[in-house]
PDB file of N, CA and C in Angstrom:
ATOM      1  N   UNK A   1       4.367 -13.268 -27.197  1.00  0.00           N
ATOM      2  CA  UNK A   1       4.176 -11.938 -26.651  1.00  0.00           C
ATOM      3  C   UNK A   1       3.195 -11.961 -25.482  1.00  0.00           C
ATOM      4  N   UNK A   2       2.113 -12.756 -25.607  1.00  0.00           N
ATOM      5  CA  UNK A   2       1.142 -12.822 -24.531  1.00  0.00           C
ATOM      6  C   UNK A   2       1.733 -13.500 -23.301  1.00  0.00           C
ATOM      7  N   UNK A   3       2.603 -14.473 -23.512  1.00  0.00           N
ATOM      8  CA  UNK A   3       3.242 -15.149 -22.375  1.00  0.00           C
ATOM      9  C   UNK A   3       4.120 -14.172 -21.615  1.00  0.00           C
ATOM     10  N   UNK A   4       4.778 -13.295 -22.325  1.00  0.00           N
ATOM     11  CA  UNK A   4       5.647 -12.304 -21.671  1.00  0.00           C
ATOM     12  C   UNK A   4       4.809 -11.344 -20.827  1.00  0.00           C
ATOM     13  N   UNK A   5       3.681 -10.890 -21.370  1.00  0.00           N
ATOM     14  CA  UNK A   5       2.800  -9.992 -20.615  1.00  0.00           C
ATOM     15  C   UNK A   5       2.239 -10.693 -19.392  1.00  0.00           C
ATOM     16  N   UNK A   6       1.862 -11.948 -19.547  1.00  0.00           N
ATOM     17  CA  UNK A   6       1.347 -12.715 -18.420  1.00  0.00           C
ATOM     18  C   UNK A   6       2.404 -12.892 -17.346  1.00  0.00           C
ATOM     19  N   UNK A   7       3.635 -13.138 -17.760  1.00  0.00           N
ATOM     20  CA  UNK A   7       4.722 -13.277 -16.804  1.00  0.00           C
ATOM     21  C   UNK A   7       4.987 -11.983 -16.053  1.00  0.00           C
ATOM     22  N   UNK A   8       4.904 -10.867 -16.752  1.00  0.00           N
ATOM     23  CA  UNK A   8       5.105  -9.576 -16.096  1.00  0.00           C
ATOM     24  C   UNK A   8       3.978  -9.270 -15.112  1.00  0.00           C
ATOM     25  N   UNK A   9       2.749  -9.637 -15.474  1.00  0.00           N
ATOM     26  CA  UNK A   9       1.629  -9.434 -14.552  1.00  0.00           C
ATOM     27  C   UNK A   9       1.782 -10.291 -13.295  1.00  0.00           C
ATOM     28  N   UNK A  10       2.219 -11.518 -13.480  1.00  0.00           N
ATOM     29  CA  UNK A  10       2.435 -12.396 -12.328  1.00  0.00           C
ATOM     30  C   UNK A  10       3.553 -11.852 -11.459  1.00  0.00           C
ATOM     31  N   UNK A  11       4.633 -11.385 -12.067  1.00  0.00           N
ATOM     32  CA  UNK A  11       5.742 -10.807 -11.315  1.00  0.00           C
ATOM     33  C   UNK A  11       5.285  -9.577 -10.524  1.00  0.00           C
ATOM     34  N   UNK A  12       4.484  -8.715 -11.145  1.00  0.00           N
ATOM     35  CA  UNK A  12       3.976  -7.532 -10.453  1.00  0.00           C
ATOM     36  C   UNK A  12       3.099  -7.927  -9.274  1.00  0.00           C
ATOM     37  N   UNK A  13       2.238  -8.924  -9.465  1.00  0.00           N
ATOM     38  CA  UNK A  13       1.373  -9.382  -8.376  1.00  0.00           C
ATOM     39  C   UNK A  13       2.195  -9.960  -7.235  1.00  0.00           C
ATOM     40  N   UNK A  14       3.227 -10.733  -7.552  1.00  0.00           N
ATOM     41  CA  UNK A  14       4.093 -11.301  -6.515  1.00  0.00           C
ATOM     42  C   UNK A  14       4.805 -10.192  -5.743  1.00  0.00           C
ATOM     43  N   UNK A  15       5.287  -9.171  -6.437  1.00  0.00           N
ATOM     44  CA  UNK A  15       5.963  -8.067  -5.766  1.00  0.00           C
ATOM     45  C   UNK A  15       5.015  -7.308  -4.830  1.00  0.00           C
ATOM     46  N   UNK A  16       3.798  -7.074  -5.272  1.00  0.00           N
ATOM     47  CA  UNK A  16       2.832  -6.353  -4.436  1.00  0.00           C
ATOM     48  C   UNK A  16       2.478  -7.178  -3.202  1.00  0.00           C
ATOM     49  N   UNK A  17       2.142  -8.431  -3.406  1.00  0.00           N
ATOM     50  CA  UNK A  17       1.772  -9.289  -2.275  1.00  0.00           C
ATOM     51  C   UNK A  17       2.957  -9.466  -1.332  1.00  0.00           C
ATOM     52  N   UNK A  18       4.137  -9.657  -1.888  1.00  0.00           N
ATOM     53  CA  UNK A  18       5.328  -9.806  -1.053  1.00  0.00           C
ATOM     54  C   UNK A  18       5.619  -8.578  -0.222  1.00  0.00           C
ATOM     55  N   UNK A  19       5.489  -7.408  -0.796  1.00  0.00           N
ATOM     56  CA  UNK A  19       5.751  -6.191  -0.036  1.00  0.00           C
ATOM     57  C   UNK A  19       4.728  -5.985   1.068  1.00  0.00           C
ATOM     58  N   UNK A  20       3.474  -6.355   0.822  1.00  0.00           N
ATOM     59  CA  UNK A  20       2.444  -6.245   1.855  1.00  0.00           C
ATOM     60  C   UNK A  20       2.734  -7.224   2.988  1.00  0.00           C
ATOM     61  N   UNK A  21       3.118  -8.443   2.640  1.00  0.00           N
ATOM     62  CA  UNK A  21       3.408  -9.440   3.671  1.00  0.00           C
ATOM     63  C   UNK A  21       4.631  -9.063   4.492  1.00  0.00           C
ATOM     64  N   UNK A  22       5.681  -8.592   3.845  1.00  0.00           N
ATOM     65  CA  UNK A  22       6.892  -8.202   4.567  1.00  0.00           C
ATOM     66  C   UNK A  22       6.627  -6.977   5.431  1.00  0.00           C
ATOM     67  N   UNK A  23       5.926  -6.014   4.913  1.00  0.00           N
ATOM     68  CA  UNK A  23       5.614  -4.807   5.677  1.00  0.00           C
ATOM     69  C   UNK A  23       4.666  -5.066   6.823  1.00  0.00           C
ATOM     70  N   UNK A  24       3.791  -6.044   6.687  1.00  0.00           N
ATOM     71  CA  UNK A  24       2.822  -6.338   7.731  1.00  0.00           C
ATOM     72  C   UNK A  24       3.387  -7.139   8.885  1.00  0.00           C
ATOM     73  N   UNK A  25       4.594  -7.662   8.753  1.00  0.00           N
ATOM     74  CA  UNK A  25       5.188  -8.496   9.797  1.00  0.00           C
ATOM     75  C   UNK A  25       5.759  -7.699  10.956  1.00  0.00           C
ATOM     76  N   UNK A  26       6.041  -6.453  10.763  1.00  0.00           N
ATOM     77  CA  UNK A  26       6.656  -5.643  11.809  1.00  0.00           C
ATOM     78  C   UNK A  26       5.633  -5.311  12.893  1.00  0.00           C
ATOM     79  N   UNK A  27       6.032  -5.496  14.128  1.00  0.00           N
ATOM     80  CA  UNK A  27       5.175  -5.123  15.252  1.00  0.00           C
ATOM     81  C   UNK A  27       5.306  -3.627  15.493  1.00  0.00           C
ATOM     82  N   UNK A  28       4.196  -2.953  15.605  1.00  0.00           N
ATOM     83  CA  UNK A  28       4.210  -1.528  15.891  1.00  0.00           C
ATOM     84  C   UNK A  28       4.715  -0.688  14.728  1.00  0.00           C
ATOM     85  N   UNK A  29       4.744  -1.263  13.533  1.00  0.00           N
ATOM     86  CA  UNK A  29       5.216  -0.507  12.379  1.00  0.00           C
ATOM     87  C   UNK A  29       4.188   0.555  12.020  1.00  0.00           C
ATOM     88  N   UNK A  30       4.677   1.733  11.764  1.00  0.00           N
ATOM     89  CA  UNK A  30       3.795   2.837  11.409  1.00  0.00           C
ATOM     90  C   UNK A  30       4.365   3.508  10.171  1.00  0.00           C
ATOM     91  N   UNK A  31       3.481   3.840   9.234  1.00  0.00           N
ATOM     92  CA  UNK A  31       3.939   4.507   8.028  1.00  0.00           C
ATOM     93  C   UNK A  31       4.365   5.931   8.371  1.00  0.00           C
ATOM     94  N   UNK A  32       5.585   6.266   8.029  1.00  0.00           N
ATOM     95  CA  UNK A  32       6.086   7.614   8.279  1.00  0.00           C
ATOM     96  C   UNK A  32       6.826   8.078   7.031  1.00  0.00           C
ATOM     97  N   UNK A  33       6.624   9.329   6.681  1.00  0.00           N
ATOM     98  CA  UNK A  33       7.288   9.870   5.510  1.00  0.00           C
ATOM     99  C   UNK A  33       8.734  10.225   5.793  1.00  0.00           C
ATOM    100  N   UNK A  34       9.457  10.523   4.751  1.00  0.00           N
ATOM    101  CA  UNK A  34      10.876  10.851   4.903  1.00  0.00           C
ATOM    102  C   UNK A  34      11.076  12.207   5.574  1.00  0.00           C
ATOM    103  N   UNK A  35      10.097  13.102   5.483  1.00  0.00           N
ATOM    104  CA  UNK A  35      10.230  14.401   6.143  1.00  0.00           C
ATOM    105  C   UNK A  35      10.336  14.238   7.652  1.00  0.00           C
ATOM    106  N   UNK A  36       9.469  13.418   8.214  1.00  0.00           N
ATOM    107  CA  UNK A  36       9.503  13.188   9.655  1.00  0.00           C
ATOM    108  C   UNK A  36      10.785  12.510  10.099  1.00  0.00           C
ATOM    109  N   UNK A  37      11.258  11.564   9.300  1.00  0.00           N
ATOM    110  CA  UNK A  37      12.508  10.888   9.630  1.00  0.00           C
ATOM    111  C   UNK A  37      13.684  11.856   9.559  1.00  0.00           C
ATOM    112  N   UNK A  38      13.688  12.735   8.589  1.00  0.00           N
ATOM    113  CA  UNK A  38      14.768  13.713   8.455  1.00  0.00           C
ATOM    114  C   UNK A  38      14.761  14.685   9.630  1.00  0.00           C
ATOM    115  N   UNK A  39      13.581  15.135  10.039  1.00  0.00           N
ATOM    116  CA  UNK A  39      13.493  16.048  11.180  1.00  0.00           C
ATOM    117  C   UNK A  39      13.985  15.383  12.456  1.00  0.00           C
ATOM    118  N   UNK A  40      13.660  14.099  12.637  1.00  0.00           N
ATOM    119  CA  UNK A  40      14.126  13.372  13.824  1.00  0.00           C
ATOM    120  C   UNK A  40      15.649  13.217  13.798  1.00  0.00           C
ATOM    121  N   UNK A  41      16.209  12.949  12.644  1.00  0.00           N
ATOM    122  CA  UNK A  41      17.662  12.796  12.534  1.00  0.00           C
ATOM    123  C   UNK A  41      18.366  14.116  12.798  1.00  0.00           C
ATOM    124  N   UNK A  42      17.853  15.206  12.268  1.00  0.00           N
ATOM    125  CA  UNK A  42      18.449  16.520  12.513  1.00  0.00           C
ATOM    126  C   UNK A  42      18.361  16.871  13.994  1.00  0.00           C
ATOM    127  N   UNK A  43      17.248  16.549  14.632  1.00  0.00           N
ATOM    128  CA  UNK A  43      17.093  16.831  16.063  1.00  0.00           C
ATOM    129  C   UNK A  43      18.112  16.054  16.892  1.00  0.00           C
ATOM    130  N   UNK A  44      18.466  14.851  16.457  1.00  0.00           N
ATOM    131  CA  UNK A  44      19.466  14.059  17.175  1.00  0.00           C
ATOM    132  C   UNK A  44      20.859  14.626  16.941  1.00  0.00           C
ATOM    133  N   UNK A  45      21.167  14.960  15.698  1.00  0.00           N
ATOM    134  CA  UNK A  45      22.511  15.445  15.364  1.00  0.00           C
ATOM    135  C   UNK A  45      22.759  16.849  15.912  1.00  0.00           C
ATOM    136  N   UNK A  46      21.789  17.724  15.749  1.00  0.00           N
ATOM    137  CA  UNK A  46      21.959  19.135  16.145  1.00  0.00           C
ATOM    138  C   UNK A  46      20.689  19.592  16.870  1.00  0.00           C
ATOM    139  N   UNK A  47      20.607  19.367  18.192  1.00  0.00           N
ATOM    140  CA  UNK A  47      19.353  19.612  18.919  1.00  0.00           C
ATOM    141  C   UNK A  47      18.872  21.065  18.906  1.00  0.00           C
ATOM    142  N   UNK A  48      19.760  22.036  18.814  1.00  0.00           N
ATOM    143  CA  UNK A  48      19.319  23.431  18.858  1.00  0.00           C
ATOM    144  C   UNK A  48      19.163  24.045  17.459  1.00  0.00           C
ATOM    145  N   UNK A  49      18.999  23.201  16.447  1.00  0.00           N
ATOM    146  CA  UNK A  49      18.805  23.685  15.071  1.00  0.00           C
ATOM    147  C   UNK A  49      17.459  24.383  14.945  1.00  0.00           C
ATOM    148  N   UNK A  50      17.448  25.518  14.267  1.00  0.00           N
ATOM    149  CA  UNK A  50      16.210  26.257  13.991  1.00  0.00           C
ATOM    150  C   UNK A  50      16.083  26.425  12.474  1.00  0.00           C
ATOM    151  N   UNK A  51      14.932  26.070  11.905  1.00  0.00           N
ATOM    152  CA  UNK A  51      14.749  26.207  10.451  1.00  0.00           C
ATOM    153  C   UNK A  51      14.876  27.661  10.009  1.00  0.00           C
ATOM    154  N   UNK A  52      15.292  27.859   8.774  1.00  0.00           N
ATOM    155  CA  UNK A  52      15.442  29.202   8.224  1.00  0.00           C
ATOM    156  C   UNK A  52      14.098  29.859   7.991  1.00  0.00           C
ATOM    157  N   UNK A  53      13.135  29.060   7.575  1.00  0.00           N
ATOM    158  CA  UNK A  53      11.799  29.599   7.292  1.00  0.00           C
ATOM    159  C   UNK A  53      10.770  28.522   7.578  1.00  0.00           C
ATOM    160  N   UNK A  54       9.532  28.939   7.700  1.00  0.00           N
ATOM    161  CA  UNK A  54       8.454  28.004   7.997  1.00  0.00           C
ATOM    162  C   UNK A  54       7.492  27.873   6.827  1.00  0.00           C
ATOM    163  N   UNK A  55       6.497  27.061   7.018  1.00  0.00           N
ATOM    164  CA  UNK A  55       5.481  26.841   5.996  1.00  0.00           C
ATOM    165  C   UNK A  55       4.592  28.081   5.919  1.00  0.00           C
ATOM    166  N   UNK A  56       4.347  28.567   4.710  1.00  0.00           N
ATOM    167  CA  UNK A  56       3.489  29.734   4.526  1.00  0.00           C
ATOM    168  C   UNK A  56       2.035  29.360   4.780  1.00  0.00           C
ATOM    169  N   UNK A  57       1.585  28.265   4.163  1.00  0.00           N
ATOM    170  CA  UNK A  57       0.213  27.808   4.327  1.00  0.00           C
ATOM    171  C   UNK A  57       0.208  26.287   4.270  1.00  0.00           C
ATOM    172  N   UNK A  58      -0.348  25.668   5.270  1.00  0.00           N
ATOM    173  CA  UNK A  58      -0.470  24.215   5.290  1.00  0.00           C
ATOM    174  C   UNK A  58      -1.934  23.872   5.122  1.00  0.00           C
ATOM    175  N   UNK A  59      -2.290  23.262   3.986  1.00  0.00           N
ATOM    176  CA  UNK A  59      -3.700  22.966   3.740  1.00  0.00           C
ATOM    177  C   UNK A  59      -4.209  21.877   4.687  1.00  0.00           C
ATOM    178  N   UNK A  60      -5.513  21.860   4.917  1.00  0.00           N
ATOM    179  CA  UNK A  60      -6.092  20.773   5.713  1.00  0.00           C
ATOM    180  C   UNK A  60      -5.827  19.427   5.034  1.00  0.00           C
ATOM    181  N   UNK A  61      -5.837  18.334   5.785  1.00  0.00           N
ATOM    182  CA  UNK A  61      -5.510  17.018   5.205  1.00  0.00           C
ATOM    183  C   UNK A  61      -6.386  16.639   4.017  1.00  0.00           C
ATOM    184  N   UNK A  62      -7.663  17.016   4.048  1.00  0.00           N
ATOM    185  CA  UNK A  62      -8.547  16.660   2.930  1.00  0.00           C
ATOM    186  C   UNK A  62      -8.106  17.349   1.649  1.00  0.00           C
ATOM    187  N   UNK A  63      -7.742  18.611   1.757  1.00  0.00           N
ATOM    188  CA  UNK A  63      -7.309  19.361   0.578  1.00  0.00           C
ATOM    189  C   UNK A  63      -5.955  18.869   0.113  1.00  0.00           C
ATOM    190  N   UNK A  64      -5.055  18.583   1.055  1.00  0.00           N
ATOM    191  CA  UNK A  64      -3.723  18.099   0.689  1.00  0.00           C
ATOM    192  C   UNK A  64      -3.815  16.774  -0.056  1.00  0.00           C
ATOM    193  N   UNK A  65      -4.657  15.865   0.412  1.00  0.00           N
ATOM    194  CA  UNK A  65      -4.788  14.580  -0.279  1.00  0.00           C
ATOM    195  C   UNK A  65      -5.447  14.772  -1.643  1.00  0.00           C
ATOM    196  N   UNK A  66      -6.383  15.706  -1.751  1.00  0.00           N
ATOM    197  CA  UNK A  66      -6.997  15.997  -3.046  1.00  0.00           C
ATOM    198  C   UNK A  66      -5.999  16.575  -4.031  1.00  0.00           C
ATOM    199  N   UNK A  67      -5.136  17.477  -3.555  1.00  0.00           N
ATOM    200  CA  UNK A  67      -4.097  18.036  -4.425  1.00  0.00           C
ATOM    201  C   UNK A  67      -3.099  16.961  -4.863  1.00  0.00           C
ATOM    202  N   UNK A  68      -2.767  16.050  -3.944  1.00  0.00           N
ATOM    203  CA  UNK A  68      -1.873  14.959  -4.299  1.00  0.00           C
ATOM    204  C   UNK A  68      -2.506  14.064  -5.356  1.00  0.00           C
ATOM    205  N   UNK A  69      -3.800  13.761  -5.202  1.00  0.00           N
ATOM    206  CA  UNK A  69      -4.497  12.937  -6.186  1.00  0.00           C
ATOM    207  C   UNK A  69      -4.561  13.644  -7.540  1.00  0.00           C
ATOM    208  N   UNK A  70      -4.783  14.949  -7.519  1.00  0.00           N
ATOM    209  CA  UNK A  70      -4.802  15.720  -8.770  1.00  0.00           C
ATOM    210  C   UNK A  70      -3.440  15.679  -9.452  1.00  0.00           C
ATOM    211  N   UNK A  71      -2.385  15.830  -8.671  1.00  0.00           N
ATOM    212  CA  UNK A  71      -1.029  15.766  -9.222  1.00  0.00           C
ATOM    213  C   UNK A  71      -0.764  14.387  -9.835  1.00  0.00           C
ATOM    214  N   UNK A  72      -1.176  13.326  -9.159  1.00  0.00           N
ATOM    215  CA  UNK A  72      -0.983  11.975  -9.679  1.00  0.00           C
ATOM    216  C   UNK A  72      -1.778  11.768 -10.964  1.00  0.00           C
ATOM    217  N   UNK A  73      -3.003  12.280 -11.005  1.00  0.00           N
ATOM    218  CA  UNK A  73      -3.838  12.126 -12.196  1.00  0.00           C
ATOM    219  C   UNK A  73      -3.252  12.877 -13.386  1.00  0.00           C
ATOM    220  N   UNK A  74      -2.770  14.083 -13.149  1.00  0.00           N
ATOM    221  CA  UNK A  74      -2.153  14.851 -14.241  1.00  0.00           C
ATOM    222  C   UNK A  74      -0.892  14.162 -14.753  1.00  0.00           C
ATOM    223  N   UNK A  75      -0.080  13.655 -13.842  1.00  0.00           N
ATOM    224  CA  UNK A  75       1.130  12.939 -14.249  1.00  0.00           C
ATOM    225  C   UNK A  75       0.803  11.694 -15.045  1.00  0.00           C
ATOM    226  N   UNK A  76      -0.209  10.936 -14.600  1.00  0.00           N
ATOM    227  CA  UNK A  76      -0.615   9.737 -15.328  1.00  0.00           C
ATOM    228  C   UNK A  76      -1.168  10.104 -16.706  1.00  0.00           C
ATOM    229  N   UNK A  77      -1.897  11.206 -16.790  1.00  0.00           N
ATOM    230  CA  UNK A  77      -2.430  11.642 -18.085  1.00  0.00           C
ATOM    231  C   UNK A  77      -1.334  12.025 -19.058  1.00  0.00           C
ATOM    232  N   UNK A  78      -0.346  12.757 -18.581  1.00  0.00           N
ATOM    233  CA  UNK A  78       0.770  13.150 -19.443  1.00  0.00           C
ATOM    234  C   UNK A  78       1.552  11.927 -19.891  1.00  0.00           C
ATOM    235  N   UNK A  79       1.838  11.018 -18.958  1.00  0.00           N
ATOM    236  CA  UNK A  79       2.573   9.805 -19.312  1.00  0.00           C
ATOM    237  C   UNK A  79       1.779   8.946 -20.288  1.00  0.00           C
ATOM    238  N   UNK A  80       0.484   8.783 -20.056  1.00  0.00           N
ATOM    239  CA  UNK A  80      -0.349   8.004 -20.958  1.00  0.00           C
ATOM    240  C   UNK A  80      -0.420   8.610 -22.348  1.00  0.00           C
ATOM    241  N   UNK A  81      -0.518   9.943 -22.419  1.00  0.00           N
ATOM    242  CA  UNK A  81      -0.541  10.606 -23.720  1.00  0.00           C
ATOM    243  C   UNK A  81       0.767  10.359 -24.464  1.00  0.00           C
ATOM    244  N   UNK A  82       1.883  10.496 -23.755  1.00  0.00           N
ATOM    245  CA  UNK A  82       3.189  10.312 -24.392  1.00  0.00           C
ATOM    246  C   UNK A  82       3.349   8.884 -24.902  1.00  0.00           C
ATOM    247  N   UNK A  83       2.989   7.907 -24.067  1.00  0.00           N
ATOM    248  CA  UNK A  83       3.134   6.512 -24.494  1.00  0.00           C
ATOM    249  C   UNK A  83       2.208   6.198 -25.670  1.00  0.00           C
ATOM    250  N   UNK A  84       0.989   6.713 -25.651  1.00  0.00           N
ATOM    251  CA  UNK A  84       0.086   6.510 -26.773  1.00  0.00           C
ATOM    252  C   UNK A  84       0.578   7.178 -28.044  1.00  0.00           C
ATOM    253  N   UNK A  85       1.146   8.363 -27.892  1.00  0.00           N
ATOM    254  CA  UNK A  85       1.706   9.075 -29.043  1.00  0.00           C
ATOM    255  C   UNK A  85       2.840   8.278 -29.670  1.00  0.00           C
ATOM    256  N   UNK A  86       3.745   7.754 -28.818  1.00  0.00           N
ATOM    257  CA  UNK A  86       4.876   6.973 -29.323  1.00  0.00           C
ATOM    258  C   UNK A  86       4.402   5.682 -29.993  1.00  0.00           C
ATOM    259  N   UNK A  87       3.388   5.049 -29.412  1.00  0.00           N
ATOM    260  CA  UNK A  87       2.872   3.811 -29.995  1.00  0.00           C
ATOM    261  C   UNK A  87       2.216   4.082 -31.342  1.00  0.00           C
ATOM    262  N   UNK A  88       1.461   5.164 -31.425  1.00  0.00           N
ATOM    263  CA  UNK A  88       0.837   5.524 -32.694  1.00  0.00           C
ATOM    264  C   UNK A  88       1.856   5.867 -33.761  1.00  0.00           C
ATOM    265  N   UNK A  89       2.907   6.553 -33.365  1.00  0.00           N
ATOM    266  CA  UNK A  89       3.962   6.902 -34.308  1.00  0.00           C
ATOM    267  C   UNK A  89       4.666   5.646 -34.821  1.00  0.00           C
ATOM    268  N   UNK A  90       4.932   4.687 -33.931  1.00  0.00           N
ATOM    269  CA  UNK A  90       5.578   3.435 -34.339  1.00  0.00           C
ATOM    270  C   UNK A  90       4.669   2.644 -35.276  1.00  0.00           C
ATOM    271  N   UNK A  91       3.367   2.610 -34.983  1.00  0.00           N
ATOM    272  CA  UNK A  91       2.425   1.897 -35.844  1.00  0.00           C
ATOM    273  C   UNK A  91       2.346   2.555 -37.214  1.00  0.00           C
ATOM    274  N   UNK A  92       2.361   3.874 -37.244  1.00  0.00           N
ATOM    275  CA  UNK A  92       2.321   4.596 -38.514  1.00  0.00           C
ATOM    276  C   UNK A  92       3.565   4.291 -39.344  1.00  0.00           C
ATOM    277  N   UNK A  93       4.721   4.238 -38.713  1.00  0.00           N
ATOM    278  CA  UNK A  93       5.953   3.927 -39.439  1.00  0.00           C
ATOM    279  C   UNK A  93       5.949   2.494 -39.952  1.00  0.00           C
ATOM    280  N   UNK A  94       5.397   1.561 -39.169  1.00  0.00           N
ATOM    281  CA  UNK A  94       5.290   0.170 -39.614  1.00  0.00           C
ATOM    282  C   UNK A  94       4.376   0.062 -40.832  1.00  0.00           C
ATOM    283  N   UNK A  95       3.270   0.812 -40.802  1.00  0.00           N
ATOM    284  CA  UNK A  95       2.329   0.770 -41.939  1.00  0.00           C
ATOM    285  C   UNK A  95       2.968   1.370 -43.187  1.00  0.00           C
ATOM    286  N   UNK A  96       3.791   2.384 -43.035  1.00  0.00           N
ATOM    287  CA  UNK A  96       4.478   2.968 -44.204  1.00  0.00           C
ATOM    288  C   UNK A  96       5.465   1.972 -44.789  1.00  0.00           C
ATOM    289  N   UNK A  97       6.196   1.266 -43.924  1.00  0.00           N
ATOM    290  CA  UNK A  97       7.177   0.303 -44.445  1.00  0.00           C
ATOM    291  C   UNK A  97       6.487  -0.885 -45.080  1.00  0.00           C
ATOM    292  N   UNK A  98       5.315  -1.271 -44.575  1.00  0.00           N
ATOM    293  CA  UNK A  98       4.573  -2.374 -45.181  1.00  0.00           C
ATOM    294  C   UNK A  98       3.992  -1.966 -46.528  1.00  0.00           C
ATOM    295  N   UNK A  99       3.619  -0.714 -46.676  1.00  0.00           N
ATOM    296  CA  UNK A  99       3.019  -0.242 -47.925  1.00  0.00           C
ATOM    297  C   UNK A  99       4.060  -0.197 -49.050  1.00  0.00           C
ATOM    298  N   UNK A 100       5.321  -0.052 -48.684  1.00  0.00           N
ATOM    299  CA  UNK A 100       6.366   0.041 -49.686  1.00  0.00           C
ATOM    300  C   UNK A 100       6.743  -1.296 -50.297  1.00  0.00           C
ATOM    301  N   UNK A 101       6.307  -2.401 -49.701  1.00  0.00           N
ATOM    302  CA  UNK A 101       6.691  -3.730 -50.216  1.00  0.00           C
ATOM    303  C   UNK A 101       5.880  -4.139 -51.393  1.00  0.00           C
TER     304      UNK A 101
END
């Protein structure tokens, strides 16, 4: 079991390092989100396109990044709780089956 976990950790490290190396090889590469790419594609396909509605409120970058971090933390907390709950339930069932022997 420990060998399997070690292998998965090594695989994860290789994937992270590989993606950084491959991404770093591009000259002039700039990180751009899919929203910007979609807007550029729409502008090419239909230059006189006008959006139906605009943004009601666009938070400053500091607040937007803080809200994103909060969203990530809440998601990680919910996922961690669920996985811990499932693990505890499985352990409880194993202990019940062992007690019956």
